[in-house]
Amino acid sequence: MQATNQTEGFWSDTYRGHSIAILNHGGRWLVYLDHVLQHRMLFDTAEAAVSWLHRKVDRPQARALVH
């Protein structure tokens, strides 16, 4: 899976059964997990945002909180 080109501004997919999305807002990337904005999480690149979402889903305690 490859993150969106930063000029496109939005990307979404499903990862391990979870909806994940990133949105460019003012040159920084916001992240959404299961359609919920993850507050205080801003990323400089789309790739960093997607990597963070993958790690969040992969953590066992995160999966328990998200379900």
Protein backbone atom coordinates (compact mmCIF):
# COMPACT_ATOMS: atom_id res chain seq x y z
CA MET A 1 0.00 0.00 0.00
CA GLN A 2 1.32 3.43 -0.93
CA ALA A 3 0.20 6.75 0.49
CA THR A 4 -1.25 9.44 -1.70
CA ASN A 5 0.80 12.01 -3.54
CA GLN A 6 0.88 15.03 -1.25
CA THR A 7 -0.61 17.27 -3.95
CA GLU A 8 -3.81 15.19 -4.04
CA GLY A 9 -4.75 16.06 -0.48
CA PHE A 10 -6.72 12.98 0.56
CA TRP A 11 -6.24 9.22 0.72
CA SER A 12 -8.18 6.40 2.37
CA ASP A 13 -8.05 2.63 2.58
CA THR A 14 -8.85 -0.30 4.83
CA TYR A 15 -6.09 -1.81 6.95
CA ARG A 16 -6.72 -5.00 8.97
CA GLY A 17 -10.44 -4.29 8.99
CA HIS A 18 -10.12 -0.63 10.01
CA SER A 19 -10.91 2.39 7.92
CA ILE A 20 -7.86 4.66 7.71
CA ALA A 21 -7.61 8.04 6.00
CA ILE A 22 -5.34 11.05 5.75
CA LEU A 23 -6.24 14.62 4.79
CA ASN A 24 -3.91 17.46 3.90
CA HIS A 25 -4.91 20.51 5.92
CA GLY A 26 -2.74 23.58 5.49
CA GLY A 27 0.26 21.55 4.38
CA ARG A 28 0.09 19.14 7.32
CA TRP A 29 -1.58 15.71 7.34
CA LEU A 30 -4.50 14.87 9.64
CA VAL A 31 -5.22 11.20 10.37
CA TYR A 32 -8.54 9.38 10.76
CA LEU A 33 -9.00 5.92 12.22
CA ASP A 34 -12.40 4.28 11.76
CA HIS A 35 -13.76 7.68 10.60
CA VAL A 36 -12.63 9.42 13.81
CA LEU A 37 -10.13 12.28 13.68
CA GLN A 38 -7.13 11.50 15.88
CA HIS A 39 -6.75 14.81 17.71
CA ARG A 40 -3.32 16.38 18.19
CA MET A 41 -1.81 14.18 15.49
CA LEU A 42 -0.36 16.21 12.61
CA PHE A 43 2.27 14.90 10.21
CA ASP A 44 4.63 16.60 7.78
CA THR A 45 4.28 13.88 5.13
CA ALA A 46 1.57 11.55 3.93
CA GLU A 47 3.91 8.60 4.39
CA ALA A 48 4.51 9.45 8.05
CA ALA A 49 0.76 9.74 8.62
CA VAL A 50 0.02 6.34 7.06
CA SER A 51 2.88 4.71 8.99
CA TRP A 52 1.47 6.06 12.25
CA LEU A 53 -1.99 4.70 11.41
CA HIS A 54 -0.54 1.25 10.65
CA ARG A 55 1.34 1.22 13.96
CA LYS A 56 -1.76 2.36 15.84
CA VAL A 57 -3.85 -0.49 14.38
CA ASP A 58 -1.07 -3.04 14.92
CA ARG A 59 -0.73 -2.31 18.65
CA PRO A 60 -2.80 -4.83 20.64
CA GLN A 61 -4.09 -2.22 23.09
CA ALA A 62 -5.13 0.03 20.20
CA ARG A 63 -7.20 -2.75 18.65
CA ALA A 64 -9.01 -3.28 21.94
CA LEU A 65 -9.82 0.44 22.21
CA VAL A 66 -10.95 0.81 18.61
CA HIS A 67 -13.47 -2.07 18.63
